[in-house]
């Protein structure tokens, strides 16, 4: 439900593709990936919050597609 899960998934996919060999490389890759995140992606996630909440309410707290 939380948009941050989508953000982490996006970051993880990008960082995994970089094939970091050391913790320092991994740390730098995560930082750079967060910095390169498109603002449009964050806006879409933010804008989806009312719909996400509505789905939770409609499902009476049961599972949703999020």
Foldseek 3Di string as FASTA:
>chain_A
DQCVVVVVVQLVVQLVVVVDDDPVSSVVSSVVSVVPDDPVSVVVSVVCVVVVVVQCVVVVNDDDPD
